Amino acid sequence: MRATLAAALLATTALAGAAATDAAAQEKVIRATMHADVRTLDPMWTTQVIASIHGNMIYDRLFASDEQLNPQPQMVEKWTVSPDRKLYTFTLREGLKFHDGTPVTTRDVIASTRRWATRDGGGKTLMGFTDDLVAKDDRTFEWRLKEPFGLVLDTLAKPTSSLPAIMREKEALIDPFQQVTEMVGSGPFVFKRDEFMPGSKTVYTRFKDYVPRKEAASGHAGGKVVKVDRVEFVWLPDPQTQQSALVAGEIDFLEAPQVDFLPILAATPGVELRAHPAAGSMGIIQLNHLHPPFNNVKARQALLYILHMPDFLNTIAPDPKQQRLCYSYFGCGTPMETEAGSEVYKAPKDYRKAEQLFKEAGYNGEPITILHATDHATINPANLVMIQQMRKAGFLKLDVQAMDWGTVVSRRTKKDPPAQGGWNIFITGTSIVGSANPMTHTSIGMGCEKAWFGWPCDQGFEALRRSWALAPDIEKRKEIAVELNKRAYELVPYISYAQYSTPQAYRADRLSGLLLSPSLPPMWNIEKRS
C-alpha cells in the first residue's frame, strides 16, 4: 500500500512519464528527496537550509570546507597574505564561466561578496574588519583589512547557511533584502527554471562547460565532477511516503528520514544509512525580542524554568545513539563546548519561579503567538512538546497558529506585533557545525537590527564575540566561549531544545561515490547505476 501510494504521488511529479522520449530514458538521473521543498531560490536572502542546498548545486564559491571541515580553495587558484596579515590577494582560476557562457570576473566576486555579507552573520563580522575589496584585474582582487582577522578563510568556507555564492554582478547588485529571481551561477549544475514546480519538483542538469578542480572531491571542496545528467529534488511531504518511495526504489536519496522509519530502512536490502561524524542538528526555540512578553529578559529567562530538554530529545530522536543532552550554545563535541551558565535550565522545573518572572516582566495573560510548522519531520513534534510544556505551567495563554514551514519562513521576517501578523515564538534548527563557531552561529548574534529573526540586542555580547574572533589562539577562544555561554544564558537570545543526528538514507545498489558532509549534501561525484 505504501509503495503504491508513493508511486502514485511520484507519477504526478513526473518521475517517469509515458511521454518520456527514448533519449530521456537513457539519461542518468538522481532522484532525491530533501528535508524541505525548494521555495526560496536566493541562497543569500534566507538562512533556510534548503535554499543553501539549492544554491550549492548551481553556484560556486571562493573557498569551501573539505570532509575534515578545513577551508580549501574552490574558485580561487592562489592567494597570499601580507606579513602584517592585513592584506589578502586572491587570484581566480582560469576558465570559470557562468551558465550563460560569460566569464566570471572579480567584479562579480566583489559584488556577490558584499551582498552576502550584508545578510550573513559571519559575513557582517568579516566586513566589520574590512577596509575595502579592490579588483586589480579580471582575475585578481585584494581584500584589505583594517586589522588582522584570523577567520577570513574559515568564514568564506562556511559549510552552512547562508551561502557565500558567487553570482553575476547584475544579480549581486540587487538589494540584499530583495530576492534574486534569475538563477545563473557558475557551479556544476544548471537550474532548469522551465521545469521548476514548487511543491513538486526542482530539476538540475549537468553544466557541460564546468571545469572541476584537479584535487579529489572531499566534502564541499575539491573537484566537483558531475557523473549524471540530471538531479531531481522530488518533494514528498509525508514522511511515510518518503520512506516507502526509497524502499520501492522510486527515489535514490533521502536526506532526512523520520527516525521512526530508520529500523525499516536499515533492514531494507540495497538501502544504506550514513552520517558525517560531525553531522548533527541543534534545535532552536526562537524568541521575538521586539514585542512583549519576550522583549523583557525576565520572560525569556522564565522559559528556562518551564522547558525540559530530555522530553524534546526523547520525542525527536528516541534512539539514544542519535541524541545528546547538551546545554552548550556552541554544541557538544565541538572545540567551543561549554555548559557554563546553564544551571537553571538543567535544574528541575519550577513553575512558581517562572510565573514570578513573567509577572515581573509585565505579562498579564496576553496571547503568546506561536508559529507551528506542521509539515516538518522534527519541527512539528518539537512544537507539540513545547506547547504541552508551556500549557503545563498553567498561567500562559497560547495562540498556536498551524501552517506549513514555507509560511513560517515568510512570516518570521515580520517585525509587526503578533496581533498584526507578527509572532512571539517559532521553532527552527541549525547545524552543530554552524553553531560551533560563535562568528558563523547566526542565531546567537545580538546585533539588534542586524541580528537574525527575533532581533536580539546586546552590544556587550557582540563585543565578546569580536574579542573571540581576535583571540590569538584556540585556548584563549575557549576562555571567551565560556563567558559567551554564560552571557547567553543571562540574556537568552534563543533556547536550544535538543542536539541530535539523523543519518541520510540512499540506494547503495544504485548510487556510489557519495561524499560525506555534515550539511548541504553534495550531489556531484555520484555515479548512478541502472
Protein backbone atom coordinates (compact mmCIF):
# COMPACT_ATOMS: atom_id res chain seq x y z
CA MET A 1 0.00 0.00 0.00
CA ARG A 2 2.74 2.46 0.99
CA ALA A 3 4.77 1.72 -2.14
CA THR A 4 1.65 2.13 -4.26
CA LEU A 5 0.89 5.49 -2.62
CA ALA A 6 4.44 6.64 -3.22
CA ALA A 7 4.33 5.51 -6.80
CA ALA A 8 1.08 7.35 -7.44
CA LEU A 9 2.44 10.56 -5.97
CA LEU A 10 5.73 10.29 -7.78
CA ALA A 11 3.88 9.76 -11.02
CA THR A 12 2.20 13.15 -10.58
CA THR A 13 5.62 14.74 -10.18
CA ALA A 14 6.80 13.30 -13.46
CA LEU A 15 9.31 10.82 -12.13
CA ALA A 16 8.64 8.78 -15.21
CA GLY A 17 6.04 9.60 -17.79
CA ALA A 18 4.65 7.72 -20.71
CA ALA A 19 5.64 10.69 -22.84
CA ALA A 20 9.34 10.38 -21.99
CA THR A 21 11.46 10.08 -25.09
CA ASP A 22 13.94 7.30 -25.68
CA ALA A 23 16.75 9.81 -25.27
CA ALA A 24 15.43 10.94 -21.89
CA ALA A 25 15.08 7.34 -20.81
CA GLN A 26 18.80 6.88 -21.39
CA GLU A 27 19.70 9.76 -19.07
CA LYS A 28 21.27 9.06 -15.72
CA VAL A 29 19.06 10.77 -13.17
CA ILE A 30 19.41 11.02 -9.39
CA ARG A 31 16.05 11.49 -7.70
CA ALA A 32 16.43 12.88 -4.20
CA THR A 33 14.01 13.98 -1.51
CA MET A 34 15.43 16.67 0.75
CA HIS A 35 14.18 17.72 4.17
CA ALA A 36 12.07 20.52 2.66
CA ASP A 37 10.68 21.72 -0.64
CA VAL A 38 12.62 24.32 -2.62
CA ARG A 39 10.58 27.51 -2.39
CA THR A 40 13.16 30.29 -1.96
CA LEU A 41 15.73 30.33 -4.75
CA ASP A 42 18.09 33.04 -3.48
CA PRO A 43 20.59 31.38 -1.10
CA MET A 44 21.67 34.73 0.36
CA TRP A 45 18.20 36.06 1.06
CA THR A 46 17.41 33.47 3.73
CA THR A 47 19.15 31.16 6.18
CA GLN A 48 16.73 28.39 5.18
CA VAL A 49 18.92 25.32 4.68
CA ILE A 50 17.04 24.06 1.64
CA ALA A 51 17.82 27.36 -0.12
CA SER A 52 21.52 26.77 0.55
CA ILE A 53 21.26 23.18 -0.72
CA HIS A 54 19.69 24.58 -3.88
CA GLY A 55 22.37 27.28 -4.12
CA ASN A 56 25.13 24.74 -3.60
CA MET A 57 24.00 23.00 -6.78
CA ILE A 58 24.20 25.94 -9.15
CA TYR A 59 26.65 28.42 -7.61
CA ASP A 60 30.36 28.12 -6.90
CA ARG A 61 32.26 29.85 -4.12
CA LEU A 62 35.72 31.18 -3.34
CA PHE A 63 36.51 28.62 -0.63
CA ALA A 64 34.78 25.50 0.63
CA SER A 65 35.12 23.07 3.54
CA ASP A 66 36.54 19.60 2.96
CA GLU A 67 35.40 16.45 4.75
CA GLN A 68 37.54 17.38 7.78
CA LEU A 69 35.91 20.85 7.75
CA ASN A 70 39.14 22.60 6.78
CA PRO A 71 38.84 25.55 4.35
CA GLN A 72 40.11 24.81 0.85
CA PRO A 73 40.29 26.98 -2.30
CA GLN A 74 37.46 26.44 -4.75
CA MET A 75 37.17 29.26 -7.30
CA VAL A 76 40.48 30.65 -6.05
CA GLU A 77 43.64 29.41 -7.77
CA LYS A 78 46.16 31.00 -5.40
CA TRP A 79 46.34 33.58 -2.64
CA THR A 80 48.88 35.40 -0.49
CA VAL A 81 48.74 37.09 2.90
CA SER A 82 50.91 40.08 3.78
CA PRO A 83 53.30 39.88 6.78
CA ASP A 84 51.03 42.16 8.83
CA ARG A 85 48.03 39.89 7.95
CA LYS A 86 46.01 42.89 6.76
CA LEU A 87 46.16 42.24 3.02
CA TYR A 88 44.89 39.10 1.24
CA THR A 89 45.46 38.85 -2.51
CA PHE A 90 43.33 36.29 -4.36
CA THR A 91 43.60 35.09 -7.95
CA LEU A 92 40.69 33.23 -9.56
CA ARG A 93 41.11 30.01 -11.52
CA GLU A 94 41.22 30.20 -15.28
CA GLY A 95 38.20 29.04 -17.26
CA LEU A 96 35.50 30.00 -14.77
CA LYS A 97 32.29 30.87 -16.57
CA PHE A 98 28.64 31.35 -15.80
CA HIS A 99 25.89 29.16 -17.22
CA ASP A 100 25.17 31.82 -19.83
CA GLY A 101 28.74 31.49 -21.14
CA THR A 102 30.07 34.79 -19.75
CA PRO A 103 33.35 34.68 -17.82
CA VAL A 104 33.46 35.05 -14.04
CA THR A 105 35.39 38.19 -13.09
CA THR A 106 36.44 39.89 -9.89
CA ARG A 107 33.60 42.38 -10.40
CA ASP A 108 31.15 39.50 -9.94
CA VAL A 109 33.09 38.23 -6.94
CA ILE A 110 33.25 41.57 -5.13
CA ALA A 111 29.59 42.44 -5.74
CA SER A 112 28.49 38.94 -4.62
CA THR A 113 30.66 39.02 -1.51
CA ARG A 114 29.32 42.38 -0.44
CA ARG A 115 25.73 41.25 -0.98
CA TRP A 116 26.27 38.06 1.04
CA ALA A 117 28.00 39.91 3.88
CA THR A 118 25.04 42.28 4.23
CA ARG A 119 22.79 39.39 5.36
CA ASP A 120 25.08 36.72 6.84
CA GLY A 121 26.18 36.96 10.47
CA GLY A 122 29.72 35.77 9.84
CA GLY A 123 29.92 37.92 6.72
CA LYS A 124 28.85 41.01 8.67
CA THR A 125 31.61 40.39 11.18
CA LEU A 126 34.20 39.87 8.45
CA MET A 127 33.16 43.10 6.74
CA GLY A 128 33.47 44.87 10.06
CA PHE A 129 37.21 44.13 9.88
CA THR A 130 37.35 45.01 6.19
CA ASP A 131 38.65 48.27 4.80
CA ASP A 132 37.95 47.53 1.14
CA LEU A 133 37.71 44.95 -1.64
CA VAL A 134 39.62 46.07 -4.71
CA ALA A 135 39.77 44.48 -8.17
CA LYS A 136 43.29 44.57 -9.62
CA ASP A 137 42.22 42.94 -12.89
CA ASP A 138 39.58 40.45 -14.06
CA ARG A 139 41.13 37.56 -12.10
CA THR A 140 42.90 39.17 -9.15
CA PHE A 141 41.48 41.18 -6.25
CA GLU A 142 42.67 42.39 -2.87
CA TRP A 143 40.89 42.03 0.44
CA ARG A 144 42.16 44.85 2.61
CA LEU A 145 41.59 44.59 6.36
CA LYS A 146 41.60 47.34 8.98
CA GLU A 147 43.22 44.94 11.43
CA PRO A 148 44.20 41.25 11.34
CA PHE A 149 41.30 38.80 11.40
CA GLY A 150 42.21 35.14 11.59
CA LEU A 151 38.92 33.74 10.32
CA VAL A 152 38.86 35.11 6.76
CA LEU A 153 39.13 31.74 5.00
CA ASP A 154 37.02 29.90 7.59
CA THR A 155 34.20 32.41 7.15
CA LEU A 156 34.29 32.20 3.35
CA ALA A 157 34.36 28.39 3.52
CA LYS A 158 31.46 28.02 5.98
CA PRO A 159 29.53 24.80 5.21
CA THR A 160 26.19 26.17 6.40
CA SER A 161 23.60 28.83 5.59
CA SER A 162 23.63 31.41 4.20
CA LEU A 163 25.71 30.50 1.20
CA PRO A 164 28.51 32.89 0.07
CA ALA A 165 27.60 32.18 -3.54
CA ILE A 166 29.25 33.98 -6.45
CA MET A 167 26.59 35.43 -8.73
CA ARG A 168 26.78 37.54 -11.85
CA GLU A 169 27.39 41.18 -10.97
CA LYS A 170 23.97 42.28 -12.21
CA GLU A 171 22.20 39.90 -9.78
CA ALA A 172 24.64 40.61 -6.97
CA LEU A 173 23.88 44.33 -7.18
CA ILE A 174 20.21 43.69 -6.37
CA ASP A 175 19.18 44.88 -2.91
CA PRO A 176 20.19 42.08 -0.48
CA PHE A 177 16.74 42.39 1.10
CA GLN A 178 15.09 41.62 -2.25
CA GLN A 179 15.23 38.14 -3.72
CA VAL A 180 17.23 37.38 -6.83
CA THR A 181 14.93 35.62 -9.27
CA GLU A 182 17.26 34.79 -12.17
CA MET A 183 19.37 31.80 -11.16
CA VAL A 184 22.53 31.91 -13.29
CA GLY A 185 25.53 30.51 -11.45
CA SER A 186 28.90 29.06 -12.39
CA GLY A 187 28.61 25.82 -10.43
CA PRO A 188 28.46 22.23 -11.65
CA PHE A 189 24.67 22.17 -12.19
CA VAL A 190 22.25 24.35 -14.14
CA PHE A 191 18.88 25.19 -12.62
CA LYS A 192 16.02 24.30 -15.00
CA ARG A 193 13.58 27.12 -14.50
CA ASP A 194 11.24 25.72 -17.16
CA GLU A 195 10.83 22.50 -15.17
CA PHE A 196 10.58 24.09 -11.72
CA MET A 197 7.35 23.09 -9.95
CA PRO A 198 7.24 24.38 -6.34
CA GLY A 199 5.59 21.81 -4.13
CA SER A 200 6.57 19.05 -6.53
CA LYS A 201 9.95 19.03 -8.25
CA THR A 202 13.16 21.03 -8.77
CA VAL A 203 15.44 19.98 -11.63
CA TYR A 204 19.15 20.49 -12.29
CA THR A 205 21.24 19.38 -15.26
CA ARG A 206 24.98 18.97 -15.63
CA PHE A 207 26.82 22.13 -16.70
CA LYS A 208 28.93 20.82 -19.55
CA ASP A 209 31.39 23.72 -19.50
CA TYR A 210 32.17 23.45 -15.79
CA VAL A 211 35.90 22.89 -15.17
CA PRO A 212 36.42 20.94 -11.92
CA ARG A 213 39.44 21.38 -9.73
CA LYS A 214 42.08 18.70 -10.12
CA GLU A 215 42.07 17.64 -6.47
CA ALA A 216 39.93 14.72 -5.34
CA ALA A 217 36.48 15.66 -4.13
CA SER A 218 36.16 15.99 -0.35
CA GLY A 219 33.11 17.40 1.38
CA HIS A 220 32.22 20.60 -0.49
CA ALA A 221 35.81 21.04 -1.70
CA GLY A 222 37.97 19.55 -4.43
CA GLY A 223 36.92 18.50 -7.91
CA LYS A 224 33.19 18.78 -8.43
CA VAL A 225 32.85 16.14 -11.12
CA VAL A 226 29.24 15.54 -12.18
CA LYS A 227 28.71 11.95 -13.33
CA VAL A 228 24.97 12.06 -14.05
CA ASP A 229 22.82 14.02 -16.48
CA ARG A 230 20.17 15.28 -14.09
CA VAL A 231 19.35 15.63 -10.43
CA GLU A 232 15.71 15.98 -9.44
CA PHE A 233 14.67 17.14 -5.98
CA VAL A 234 11.29 15.44 -5.62
CA TRP A 235 9.17 16.84 -2.82
CA LEU A 236 7.17 14.26 -0.86
CA PRO A 237 5.71 15.99 2.21
CA ASP A 238 4.61 12.83 4.02
CA PRO A 239 7.47 11.00 5.84
CA GLN A 240 5.84 7.62 5.33
CA THR A 241 5.59 8.27 1.61
CA GLN A 242 9.26 9.29 1.55
CA GLN A 243 10.33 6.08 3.24
CA SER A 244 8.12 3.95 1.03
CA ALA A 245 9.46 5.63 -2.11
CA LEU A 246 13.05 4.87 -1.11
CA VAL A 247 12.24 1.26 -0.25
CA ALA A 248 10.43 0.84 -3.57
CA GLY A 249 13.35 2.39 -5.45
CA GLU A 250 11.28 5.33 -6.71
CA ILE A 251 13.79 7.78 -5.25
CA ASP A 252 17.52 7.22 -4.79
CA PHE A 253 18.37 9.51 -1.87
CA LEU A 254 16.51 10.63 1.26
CA GLU A 255 18.22 13.40 3.17
CA ALA A 256 16.26 13.32 6.44
CA PRO A 257 14.32 10.10 7.03
CA GLN A 258 11.99 10.19 10.00
CA VAL A 259 13.53 8.43 12.98
CA ASP A 260 10.60 6.02 13.30
CA PHE A 261 11.47 4.55 9.91
CA LEU A 262 15.22 4.11 10.41
CA PRO A 263 14.96 0.44 11.52
CA ILE A 264 12.89 -0.34 8.41
CA LEU A 265 15.37 1.40 6.13
CA ALA A 266 18.36 -0.26 7.81
CA ALA A 267 16.80 -3.66 7.19
CA THR A 268 15.92 -2.98 3.54
CA PRO A 269 18.25 -4.72 1.04
CA GLY A 270 20.07 -2.17 -1.09
CA VAL A 271 19.48 0.74 1.32
CA GLU A 272 22.27 2.18 3.46
CA LEU A 273 22.29 4.79 6.22
CA ARG A 274 25.23 7.13 6.70
CA ALA A 275 26.21 10.31 8.51
CA HIS A 276 29.25 12.56 8.71
CA PRO A 277 30.98 12.29 12.12
CA ALA A 278 30.28 15.99 12.70
CA ALA A 279 26.72 15.82 11.41
CA GLY A 280 24.04 16.87 13.78
CA SER A 281 21.45 19.48 14.47
CA MET A 282 20.69 21.87 17.27
CA GLY A 283 17.02 22.59 17.78
CA ILE A 284 16.22 26.26 18.36
CA ILE A 285 13.25 27.89 20.06
CA GLN A 286 13.49 31.41 18.65
CA LEU A 287 12.03 34.24 20.72
CA ASN A 288 10.97 37.66 19.43
CA HIS A 289 12.87 40.33 21.38
CA LEU A 290 10.88 43.22 19.87
CA HIS A 291 7.45 42.64 21.44
CA PRO A 292 6.04 41.64 24.83
CA PRO A 293 6.49 39.46 26.68
CA PHE A 294 9.92 38.37 25.37
CA ASN A 295 11.24 41.87 24.87
CA ASN A 296 11.77 41.64 28.62
CA VAL A 297 14.69 39.42 29.59
CA LYS A 298 12.83 38.06 32.64
CA ALA A 299 10.17 36.48 30.41
CA ARG A 300 12.89 34.84 28.33
CA GLN A 301 14.62 33.58 31.47
CA ALA A 302 11.30 32.24 32.76
CA LEU A 303 11.11 29.73 29.94
CA LEU A 304 14.29 28.08 31.25
CA TYR A 305 12.27 27.13 34.34
CA ILE A 306 9.49 25.60 32.17
CA LEU A 307 11.10 23.79 29.24
CA HIS A 308 12.61 20.33 29.73
CA MET A 309 15.17 19.28 27.13
CA PRO A 310 15.02 15.47 27.67
CA ASP A 311 11.36 15.44 26.59
CA PHE A 312 12.29 17.02 23.26
CA LEU A 313 15.14 14.60 22.71
CA ASN A 314 13.10 11.51 23.50
CA THR A 315 10.40 12.64 21.07
CA ILE A 316 12.55 13.74 18.15
CA ALA A 317 15.38 11.22 18.43
CA PRO A 318 14.24 8.34 20.67
CA ASP A 319 17.26 6.22 19.76
CA PRO A 320 19.94 7.04 22.39
CA LYS A 321 22.59 6.69 19.67
CA GLN A 322 21.14 9.73 17.92
CA GLN A 323 20.68 12.07 20.87
CA ARG A 324 22.92 14.10 23.12
CA LEU A 325 21.80 16.06 26.16
CA CYS A 326 23.68 19.28 25.50
CA TYR A 327 23.40 22.67 27.20
CA SER A 328 26.14 24.41 25.25
CA TYR A 329 25.16 27.24 22.91
CA PHE A 330 28.08 26.12 20.73
CA GLY A 331 27.16 22.45 20.58
CA CYS A 332 28.67 19.45 22.33
CA GLY A 333 31.61 17.56 20.87
CA THR A 334 32.95 20.81 19.43
CA PRO A 335 36.09 22.80 20.36
CA MET A 336 34.00 25.55 22.00
CA GLU A 337 31.79 23.22 24.04
CA THR A 338 30.89 24.65 27.45
CA GLU A 339 27.77 24.44 29.58
CA ALA A 340 28.72 27.42 31.76
CA GLY A 341 25.67 29.31 32.99
CA SER A 342 23.16 26.55 32.23
CA GLU A 343 22.37 25.58 35.83
CA VAL A 344 18.79 26.92 35.74
CA TYR A 345 17.95 25.09 32.52
CA LYS A 346 19.38 21.82 33.88
CA ALA A 347 17.55 22.09 37.21
CA PRO A 348 14.11 20.59 37.97
CA LYS A 349 11.31 22.68 36.54
CA ASP A 350 9.97 25.47 38.78
CA TYR A 351 6.63 26.85 37.56
CA ARG A 352 6.24 29.23 40.51
CA LYS A 353 9.56 30.87 39.73
CA ALA A 354 8.61 31.07 36.06
CA GLU A 355 5.25 32.70 36.89
CA GLN A 356 7.01 35.22 39.16
CA LEU A 357 9.44 36.17 36.40
CA PHE A 358 6.65 36.56 33.84
CA LYS A 359 4.78 38.88 36.23
CA GLU A 360 7.93 40.92 36.80
CA ALA A 361 8.23 41.18 33.02
CA GLY A 362 4.75 42.73 32.90
CA TYR A 363 2.93 39.72 31.48
CA ASN A 364 -0.83 39.82 32.18
CA GLY A 365 -2.08 36.82 30.26
CA GLU A 366 -1.83 38.24 26.75
CA PRO A 367 -1.79 35.62 23.96
CA ILE A 368 1.67 34.31 23.03
CA THR A 369 1.67 33.69 19.28
CA ILE A 370 3.46 30.51 18.23
CA LEU A 371 4.13 29.75 14.56
CA HIS A 372 3.66 25.98 14.36
CA ALA A 373 5.08 24.34 11.22
CA THR A 374 3.08 21.13 10.88
CA ASP A 375 4.83 19.72 7.79
CA HIS A 376 8.39 19.36 9.13
CA ALA A 377 9.61 15.99 10.43
CA THR A 378 11.38 17.40 13.51
CA ILE A 379 9.95 20.90 13.97
CA ASN A 380 6.35 19.65 14.18
CA PRO A 381 6.92 17.24 17.10
CA ALA A 382 9.20 19.76 18.80
CA ASN A 383 6.38 22.30 18.64
CA LEU A 384 3.99 19.80 20.19
CA VAL A 385 6.37 19.15 23.09
CA MET A 386 6.97 22.86 23.68
CA ILE A 387 3.27 23.69 23.59
CA GLN A 388 2.50 20.87 26.03
CA GLN A 389 5.21 22.02 28.44
CA MET A 390 4.11 25.66 28.30
CA ARG A 391 0.48 24.73 28.88
CA LYS A 392 1.51 22.56 31.81
CA ALA A 393 2.82 25.70 33.51
CA GLY A 394 -0.83 26.78 33.72
CA PHE A 395 -0.58 30.56 33.53
CA LEU A 396 0.33 31.16 29.89
CA LYS A 397 -2.22 31.89 27.16
CA LEU A 398 -1.05 30.42 23.86
CA ASP A 399 -2.14 31.41 20.37
CA VAL A 400 -0.91 28.43 18.31
CA GLN A 401 -1.13 29.09 14.58
CA ALA A 402 -0.66 26.00 12.39
CA MET A 403 0.97 26.50 8.98
CA ASP A 404 3.50 24.94 6.63
CA TRP A 405 7.21 25.60 7.01
CA GLY A 406 7.30 27.84 3.95
CA THR A 407 4.76 30.15 5.59
CA VAL A 408 6.80 30.23 8.79
CA VAL A 409 9.88 31.23 6.78
CA SER A 410 7.94 34.10 5.26
CA ARG A 411 6.19 35.27 8.40
CA ARG A 412 9.23 35.16 10.69
CA THR A 413 10.65 38.14 8.78
CA LYS A 414 7.80 40.38 10.01
CA LYS A 415 8.54 42.83 12.80
CA ASP A 416 4.88 43.70 13.32
CA PRO A 417 3.22 42.99 16.69
CA PRO A 418 1.88 39.43 16.93
CA ALA A 419 -1.72 40.65 16.76
CA GLN A 420 -0.91 42.33 13.44
CA GLY A 421 0.67 39.37 11.68
CA GLY A 422 3.89 39.08 13.67
CA TRP A 423 4.91 36.42 16.14
CA ASN A 424 6.39 35.61 19.57
CA ILE A 425 7.93 32.16 19.07
CA PHE A 426 8.87 29.85 16.23
CA ILE A 427 10.98 26.69 16.20
CA THR A 428 13.81 26.04 13.80
CA GLY A 429 17.26 24.46 13.89
CA THR A 430 20.84 24.82 12.81
CA SER A 431 23.76 22.51 12.24
CA ILE A 432 26.21 21.77 15.02
CA VAL A 433 28.97 22.74 12.61
CA GLY A 434 27.45 26.18 12.17
CA SER A 435 26.82 26.74 15.87
CA ALA A 436 30.33 25.61 16.89
CA ASN A 437 31.80 28.92 15.71
CA PRO A 438 30.46 31.98 17.57
CA MET A 439 31.02 34.10 14.46
CA THR A 440 29.15 31.88 11.99
CA HIS A 441 26.46 30.95 14.54
CA THR A 442 23.67 33.02 13.01
CA SER A 443 21.07 32.61 15.75
CA ILE A 444 23.28 33.67 18.63
CA GLY A 445 24.22 37.07 17.27
CA MET A 446 22.81 40.01 19.26
CA GLY A 447 23.38 42.76 16.74
CA CYS A 448 19.96 44.41 17.21
CA GLU A 449 18.56 45.42 13.80
CA LYS A 450 21.35 43.47 12.11
CA ALA A 451 20.64 40.31 14.11
CA TRP A 452 18.75 37.24 12.90
CA PHE A 453 14.98 36.90 13.22
CA GLY A 454 13.99 37.72 16.77
CA TRP A 455 16.46 40.60 16.67
CA PRO A 456 18.32 40.09 19.99
CA CYS A 457 20.23 43.18 21.04
CA ASP A 458 23.25 43.46 23.33
CA GLN A 459 26.40 45.33 22.40
CA GLY A 460 28.36 43.75 25.24
CA PHE A 461 27.72 40.32 23.84
CA GLU A 462 28.75 41.47 20.38
CA ALA A 463 31.97 42.89 21.85
CA LEU A 464 32.68 39.48 23.38
CA ARG A 465 32.13 37.80 20.01
CA ARG A 466 34.52 40.25 18.45
CA SER A 467 37.16 39.51 21.07
CA TRP A 468 36.72 35.80 20.32
CA ALA A 469 37.46 36.46 16.66
CA LEU A 470 40.58 38.44 17.57
CA ALA A 471 41.88 35.89 20.08
CA PRO A 472 45.44 34.77 19.26
CA ASP A 473 44.92 31.04 19.86
CA ILE A 474 42.30 28.38 20.49
CA GLU A 475 42.89 28.30 24.25
CA LYS A 476 42.02 31.97 24.56
CA ARG A 477 38.96 31.39 22.35
CA LYS A 478 37.81 28.63 24.69
CA GLU A 479 38.08 31.02 27.63
CA ILE A 480 35.97 33.61 25.84
CA ALA A 481 33.47 30.93 24.78
CA VAL A 482 32.81 30.25 28.48
CA GLU A 483 31.96 33.92 29.02
CA LEU A 484 29.81 33.96 25.89
CA ASN A 485 27.84 30.93 27.05
CA LYS A 486 27.27 32.48 30.48
CA ARG A 487 26.13 35.72 28.93
CA ALA A 488 23.84 33.89 26.52
CA TYR A 489 22.09 32.14 29.42
CA GLU A 490 21.63 35.53 31.10
CA LEU A 491 20.17 37.21 28.00
CA VAL A 492 18.53 34.15 26.32
CA PRO A 493 18.71 35.08 22.62
CA TYR A 494 17.02 31.71 21.97
CA ILE A 495 16.67 28.37 23.75
CA SER A 496 18.22 25.17 22.45
CA TYR A 497 15.90 22.20 22.85
CA ALA A 498 17.99 19.30 21.53
CA GLN A 499 21.18 18.11 19.90
CA TYR A 500 20.57 15.14 17.65
CA SER A 501 21.75 13.46 14.49
CA THR A 502 19.73 11.93 11.68
CA PRO A 503 21.52 9.81 9.08
CA GLN A 504 20.88 10.12 5.37
CA ALA A 505 19.48 7.11 3.53
CA TYR A 506 20.23 6.13 -0.05
CA ARG A 507 20.03 3.25 -2.51
CA ALA A 508 23.54 1.82 -2.33
CA ASP A 509 22.57 -0.69 -5.03
CA ARG A 510 22.30 2.26 -7.45
CA LEU A 511 24.48 5.08 -6.16
CA SER A 512 28.19 5.17 -5.37
CA GLY A 513 30.69 7.91 -4.65
CA LEU A 514 28.53 9.89 -2.20
CA LEU A 515 30.56 12.47 -0.31
CA LEU A 516 30.34 12.96 3.42
CA SER A 517 29.35 16.41 4.62
CA PRO A 518 27.63 17.49 7.84
CA SER A 519 25.28 19.76 5.88
CA LEU A 520 24.20 20.64 2.32
CA PRO A 521 24.62 17.16 0.78
CA PRO A 522 26.82 17.34 -2.37
CA MET A 523 25.27 15.86 -5.47
CA TRP A 524 28.46 15.77 -7.53
CA ASN A 525 30.90 12.83 -7.65
CA ILE A 526 27.95 10.40 -7.52
CA GLU A 527 27.67 7.59 -10.05
CA LYS A 528 24.27 6.13 -10.90
CA ARG A 529 23.92 2.52 -11.94
CA SER A 530 20.93 1.24 -13.86
